[in-house]
């Protein structure tokens, strides 16, 4: 696994970790008439993010690399931005998550292509699985926020 691929996977890990915390922020601070279903849906999303984070980091370890593992390191390379701790309407929360899922989808697509070029099929397969999940999540978020 070359240095560029390791950096890309670590960038992905950083974005997943920041997304995980950001989803908690929205889960705790969402308000509005659709509070209960949105609150519960956000919990399912951060639970899924925890699995992606673990799988991605473990693949780096399996390949003899060191995954980023601190918030300080994550924030240096993440392109997903943190949120202020405040109330968010259900529409705001869903729009924020939709934008982040689209960013993660694009990143997973780039990661899959680079991993395929290097015959790094474990990383490519992870990215492919994640892409399927992002597609479904993006669809859900899009129709929930109409």
Foldseek 3Di string as FASTA:
>chain_A
DDPVLLVLLLQLLLLLVLLLVQLVLQLVAEDDPCNPVLNVVSVVVSVVSVVLNVLSQVLCVVVVHHHDDDNVVSVVRYPLDHDDRHHDYSLRSLVSVLVSLVVSLVSLVVSLVVCVVVVVVSSNVSSVVSNVVSVVSNVVSVVVND
